[in-house]
C-alpha atoms as a PDB file:
ATOM      1  CA  UNK A   1      -3.128  45.142  55.991  1.00  0.00           C
ATOM      2  CA  UNK A   2      -0.419  42.504  55.634  1.00  0.00           C
ATOM      3  CA  UNK A   3      -2.911  39.831  56.725  1.00  0.00           C
ATOM      4  CA  UNK A   4      -5.451  41.123  54.192  1.00  0.00           C
ATOM      5  CA  UNK A   5      -2.887  40.859  51.398  1.00  0.00           C
ATOM      6  CA  UNK A   6      -1.866  37.394  52.554  1.00  0.00           C
ATOM      7  CA  UNK A   7      -5.459  36.152  52.713  1.00  0.00           C
ATOM      8  CA  UNK A   8      -6.674  38.085  49.690  1.00  0.00           C
ATOM      9  CA  UNK A   9      -9.672  39.522  51.523  1.00  0.00           C
ATOM     10  CA  UNK A  10     -10.640  42.378  53.798  1.00  0.00           C
ATOM     11  CA  UNK A  11     -10.591  41.717  57.518  1.00  0.00           C
ATOM     12  CA  UNK A  12     -12.912  44.654  58.164  1.00  0.00           C
ATOM     13  CA  UNK A  13     -16.175  43.307  59.514  1.00  0.00           C
ATOM     14  CA  UNK A  14     -18.100  45.451  57.053  1.00  0.00           C
ATOM     15  CA  UNK A  15     -18.941  48.266  59.414  1.00  0.00           C
ATOM     16  CA  UNK A  16     -20.911  48.730  62.561  1.00  0.00           C
ATOM     17  CA  UNK A  17     -24.496  49.630  63.305  1.00  0.00           C
ATOM     18  CA  UNK A  18     -23.243  53.135  64.096  1.00  0.00           C
ATOM     19  CA  UNK A  19     -21.621  53.383  60.646  1.00  0.00           C
ATOM     20  CA  UNK A  20     -24.901  52.270  59.073  1.00  0.00           C
ATOM     21  CA  UNK A  21     -26.700  54.964  61.087  1.00  0.00           C
ATOM     22  CA  UNK A  22     -24.248  57.546  59.736  1.00  0.00           C
ATOM     23  CA  UNK A  23     -24.808  56.421  56.172  1.00  0.00           C
ATOM     24  CA  UNK A  24     -28.554  56.739  56.693  1.00  0.00           C
ATOM     25  CA  UNK A  25     -28.242  60.286  58.069  1.00  0.00           C
ATOM     26  CA  UNK A  26     -25.706  61.535  55.531  1.00  0.00           C
ATOM     27  CA  UNK A  27     -28.293  62.646  52.945  1.00  0.00           C
ATOM     28  CA  UNK A  28     -30.127  64.807  55.498  1.00  0.00           C
ATOM     29  CA  UNK A  29     -26.811  66.242  56.683  1.00  0.00           C
ATOM     30  CA  UNK A  30     -25.756  67.157  53.135  1.00  0.00           C
ATOM     31  CA  UNK A  31     -29.158  68.728  52.412  1.00  0.00           C
ATOM     32  CA  UNK A  32     -28.928  70.824  55.585  1.00  0.00           C
ATOM     33  CA  UNK A  33     -25.348  71.903  54.730  1.00  0.00           C
ATOM     34  CA  UNK A  34     -26.284  72.878  51.172  1.00  0.00           C
ATOM     35  CA  UNK A  35     -29.268  74.892  52.395  1.00  0.00           C
ATOM     36  CA  UNK A  36     -27.376  76.604  55.228  1.00  0.00           C
ATOM     37  CA  UNK A  37     -24.417  77.585  53.029  1.00  0.00           C
ATOM     38  CA  UNK A  38     -26.330  78.096  49.761  1.00  0.00           C
ATOM     39  CA  UNK A  39     -24.077  75.706  47.844  1.00  0.00           C
ATOM     40  CA  UNK A  40     -24.434  72.603  45.750  1.00  0.00           C
ATOM     41  CA  UNK A  41     -22.207  69.645  46.507  1.00  0.00           C
ATOM     42  CA  UNK A  42     -21.152  66.809  44.242  1.00  0.00           C
ATOM     43  CA  UNK A  43     -20.963  63.150  45.205  1.00  0.00           C
ATOM     44  CA  UNK A  44     -17.509  61.669  44.669  1.00  0.00           C
ATOM     45  CA  UNK A  45     -16.321  58.100  44.445  1.00  0.00           C
ATOM     46  CA  UNK A  46     -13.034  56.633  45.578  1.00  0.00           C
ATOM     47  CA  UNK A  47      -9.999  58.713  44.569  1.00  0.00           C
ATOM     48  CA  UNK A  48      -6.438  57.423  44.165  1.00  0.00           C
ATOM     49  CA  UNK A  49      -3.020  59.002  44.264  1.00  0.00           C
ATOM     50  CA  UNK A  50      -1.153  59.178  40.946  1.00  0.00           C
ATOM     51  CA  UNK A  51       0.816  56.026  41.856  1.00  0.00           C
ATOM     52  CA  UNK A  52      -2.482  54.289  42.791  1.00  0.00           C
ATOM     53  CA  UNK A  53      -1.074  53.193  46.168  1.00  0.00           C
ATOM     54  CA  UNK A  54      -3.149  55.508  48.358  1.00  0.00           C
ATOM     55  CA  UNK A  55      -6.832  56.265  48.186  1.00  0.00           C
ATOM     56  CA  UNK A  56      -9.757  57.778  49.978  1.00  0.00           C
ATOM     57  CA  UNK A  57     -13.404  58.575  49.508  1.00  0.00           C
ATOM     58  CA  UNK A  58     -14.446  62.164  50.167  1.00  0.00           C
ATOM     59  CA  UNK A  59     -18.125  62.422  50.994  1.00  0.00           C
ATOM     60  CA  UNK A  60     -18.734  65.403  48.685  1.00  0.00           C
ATOM     61  CA  UNK A  61     -16.931  68.099  46.717  1.00  0.00           C
ATOM     62  CA  UNK A  62     -17.954  71.698  47.401  1.00  0.00           C
ATOM     63  CA  UNK A  63     -17.344  74.069  44.492  1.00  0.00           C
ATOM     64  CA  UNK A  64     -13.881  74.003  42.919  1.00  0.00           C
ATOM     65  CA  UNK A  65     -11.882  74.107  46.160  1.00  0.00           C
ATOM     66  CA  UNK A  66     -13.688  72.312  48.991  1.00  0.00           C
ATOM     67  CA  UNK A  67     -14.564  68.947  50.438  1.00  0.00           C
ATOM     68  CA  UNK A  68     -17.438  68.102  52.763  1.00  0.00           C
ATOM     69  CA  UNK A  69     -16.938  65.267  55.247  1.00  0.00           C
ATOM     70  CA  UNK A  70     -19.999  64.284  57.289  1.00  0.00           C
ATOM     71  CA  UNK A  71     -19.642  62.714  60.735  1.00  0.00           C
ATOM     72  CA  UNK A  72     -22.686  61.311  62.501  1.00  0.00           C
ATOM     73  CA  UNK A  73     -20.978  60.527  65.781  1.00  0.00           C
ATOM     74  CA  UNK A  74     -22.446  59.648  69.165  1.00  0.00           C
ATOM     75  CA  UNK A  75     -24.006  62.452  71.212  1.00  0.00           C
ATOM     76  CA  UNK A  76     -20.977  62.875  73.508  1.00  0.00           C
ATOM     77  CA  UNK A  77     -18.588  63.286  70.556  1.00  0.00           C
ATOM     78  CA  UNK A  78     -21.058  65.623  68.859  1.00  0.00           C
ATOM     79  CA  UNK A  79     -21.224  67.841  71.950  1.00  0.00           C
ATOM     80  CA  UNK A  80     -17.407  67.817  71.960  1.00  0.00           C
ATOM     81  CA  UNK A  81     -17.472  69.111  68.382  1.00  0.00           C
ATOM     82  CA  UNK A  82     -19.929  71.838  69.374  1.00  0.00           C
ATOM     83  CA  UNK A  83     -17.494  72.829  72.130  1.00  0.00           C
ATOM     84  CA  UNK A  84     -14.577  72.998  69.673  1.00  0.00           C
ATOM     85  CA  UNK A  85     -12.881  69.754  70.693  1.00  0.00           C
ATOM     86  CA  UNK A  86     -13.131  67.834  67.411  1.00  0.00           C
ATOM     87  CA  UNK A  87     -10.529  69.201  65.025  1.00  0.00           C
ATOM     88  CA  UNK A  88      -7.538  66.996  65.896  1.00  0.00           C
ATOM     89  CA  UNK A  89      -9.332  63.657  65.751  1.00  0.00           C
ATOM     90  CA  UNK A  90     -10.116  63.953  62.035  1.00  0.00           C
ATOM     91  CA  UNK A  91      -7.275  66.249  60.961  1.00  0.00           C
ATOM     92  CA  UNK A  92      -5.195  63.638  59.124  1.00  0.00           C
ATOM     93  CA  UNK A  93      -8.259  62.348  57.293  1.00  0.00           C
ATOM     94  CA  UNK A  94      -9.101  65.876  56.112  1.00  0.00           C
ATOM     95  CA  UNK A  95      -5.493  66.646  55.122  1.00  0.00           C
ATOM     96  CA  UNK A  96      -5.170  63.268  53.394  1.00  0.00           C
ATOM     97  CA  UNK A  97      -8.247  63.923  51.289  1.00  0.00           C
ATOM     98  CA  UNK A  98      -6.881  67.335  50.330  1.00  0.00           C
ATOM     99  CA  UNK A  99      -3.558  65.673  49.430  1.00  0.00           C
ATOM    100  CA  UNK A 100      -5.338  63.196  47.138  1.00  0.00           C
ATOM    101  CA  UNK A 101      -7.660  65.717  45.507  1.00  0.00           C
ATOM    102  CA  UNK A 102      -5.639  68.949  45.476  1.00  0.00           C
ATOM    103  CA  UNK A 103      -8.500  70.713  47.264  1.00  0.00           C
ATOM    104  CA  UNK A 104      -7.868  73.717  49.539  1.00  0.00           C
ATOM    105  CA  UNK A 105     -10.201  73.074  52.484  1.00  0.00           C
ATOM    106  CA  UNK A 106     -12.439  70.494  54.092  1.00  0.00           C
ATOM    107  CA  UNK A 107     -15.611  71.264  56.007  1.00  0.00           C
ATOM    108  CA  UNK A 108     -16.066  68.646  58.688  1.00  0.00           C
ATOM    109  CA  UNK A 109     -19.792  68.554  59.487  1.00  0.00           C
ATOM    110  CA  UNK A 110     -20.944  66.849  62.657  1.00  0.00           C
ATOM    111  CA  UNK A 111     -24.610  66.008  62.205  1.00  0.00           C
ATOM    112  CA  UNK A 112     -27.185  64.665  64.621  1.00  0.00           C
ATOM    113  CA  UNK A 113     -30.891  65.302  63.968  1.00  0.00           C
ATOM    114  CA  UNK A 114     -31.437  65.955  67.698  1.00  0.00           C
ATOM    115  CA  UNK A 115     -28.583  68.475  68.127  1.00  0.00           C
ATOM    116  CA  UNK A 116     -27.407  71.635  66.375  1.00  0.00           C
ATOM    117  CA  UNK A 117     -24.855  70.898  63.653  1.00  0.00           C
ATOM    118  CA  UNK A 118     -21.182  71.589  64.315  1.00  0.00           C
ATOM    119  CA  UNK A 119     -18.971  72.688  61.440  1.00  0.00           C
ATOM    120  CA  UNK A 120     -15.170  72.715  61.547  1.00  0.00           C
ATOM    121  CA  UNK A 121     -13.317  74.202  58.574  1.00  0.00           C
ATOM    122  CA  UNK A 122      -9.921  72.588  57.977  1.00  0.00           C
ATOM    123  CA  UNK A 123      -7.683  74.608  55.656  1.00  0.00           C
ATOM    124  CA  UNK A 124      -5.030  72.827  53.604  1.00  0.00           C
ATOM    125  CA  UNK A 125      -1.797  72.407  55.564  1.00  0.00           C
ATOM    126  CA  UNK A 126       1.015  71.489  53.176  1.00  0.00           C
ATOM    127  CA  UNK A 127       3.446  70.718  56.026  1.00  0.00           C
ATOM    128  CA  UNK A 128       0.986  68.241  57.521  1.00  0.00           C
ATOM    129  CA  UNK A 129       0.336  66.756  54.073  1.00  0.00           C
ATOM    130  CA  UNK A 130       4.075  66.356  53.442  1.00  0.00           C
ATOM    131  CA  UNK A 131       4.555  64.568  56.774  1.00  0.00           C
ATOM    132  CA  UNK A 132       1.493  62.407  56.071  1.00  0.00           C
ATOM    133  CA  UNK A 133       2.792  61.522  52.596  1.00  0.00           C
ATOM    134  CA  UNK A 134       6.158  60.493  54.070  1.00  0.00           C
ATOM    135  CA  UNK A 135       4.495  58.348  56.743  1.00  0.00           C
ATOM    136  CA  UNK A 136       2.184  56.690  54.210  1.00  0.00           C
ATOM    137  CA  UNK A 137       5.104  56.040  51.851  1.00  0.00           C
ATOM    138  CA  UNK A 138       7.083  54.418  54.689  1.00  0.00           C
ATOM    139  CA  UNK A 139       4.034  52.317  55.626  1.00  0.00           C
ATOM    140  CA  UNK A 140       3.577  51.153  52.028  1.00  0.00           C
ATOM    141  CA  UNK A 141       7.262  50.197  51.807  1.00  0.00           C
ATOM    142  CA  UNK A 142       7.014  48.188  55.058  1.00  0.00           C
ATOM    143  CA  UNK A 143       3.822  46.536  53.856  1.00  0.00           C
ATOM    144  CA  UNK A 144       5.460  45.571  50.554  1.00  0.00           C
ATOM    145  CA  UNK A 145       8.483  44.174  52.425  1.00  0.00           C
ATOM    146  CA  UNK A 146       6.200  42.191  54.719  1.00  0.00           C
ATOM    147  CA  UNK A 147       4.333  40.794  51.754  1.00  0.00           C
ATOM    148  CA  UNK A 148       7.576  39.796  50.016  1.00  0.00           C
ATOM    149  CA  UNK A 149       8.718  37.986  53.167  1.00  0.00           C
ATOM    150  CA  UNK A 150       5.363  36.269  53.529  1.00  0.00           C
ATOM    151  CA  UNK A 151       5.199  35.174  49.915  1.00  0.00           C
ATOM    152  CA  UNK A 152       8.769  33.889  50.030  1.00  0.00           C
ATOM    153  CA  UNK A 153       7.850  31.790  53.070  1.00  0.00           C
ATOM    154  CA  UNK A 154       4.435  30.747  51.743  1.00  0.00           C
ATOM    155  CA  UNK A 155       5.187  27.114  50.926  1.00  0.00           C
ATOM    156  CA  UNK A 156       6.359  26.417  54.485  1.00  0.00           C
ATOM    157  CA  UNK A 157       4.357  29.010  56.413  1.00  0.00           C
ATOM    158  CA  UNK A 158       0.886  27.707  55.607  1.00  0.00           C
ATOM    159  CA  UNK A 159      -0.290  24.426  57.047  1.00  0.00           C
ATOM    160  CA  UNK A 160      -0.835  21.662  54.529  1.00  0.00           C
ATOM    161  CA  UNK A 161      -4.402  21.199  53.346  1.00  0.00           C
ATOM    162  CA  UNK A 162      -6.135  18.184  54.902  1.00  0.00           C
END
């Protein structure tokens, strides 16, 4: 993140083919979830914390209290989710989205058109959210300090243009 600030651009390669696959399957996953649970979901954009330093993009809101996050992972990871081995990997993401939105739960839906869906309900955990908020705050402070050091050294740190 410090390099991105320094360069003024994202260093993320723009996603992988697997991420593109997930985006393509998300609509079918949401439709299946809505049908199975007899609910309507609402598409949400990027949400920010009150101080605008932290953000995230929930896939969908469910009613007044929930979030739906869709994961279209590889078959091995999907089978792991079906066997109950998926909760920890995405826990901080789910808790972070609840922190940002004030929501009470997140349904983590693992979707693959060739396998049965796996659904993991993540209830709000205020202790986890508090620890996450502290860690994110410390990260932001370190990032700001790094940026200040980099900007102070900018005239000598960058090679001269040729």
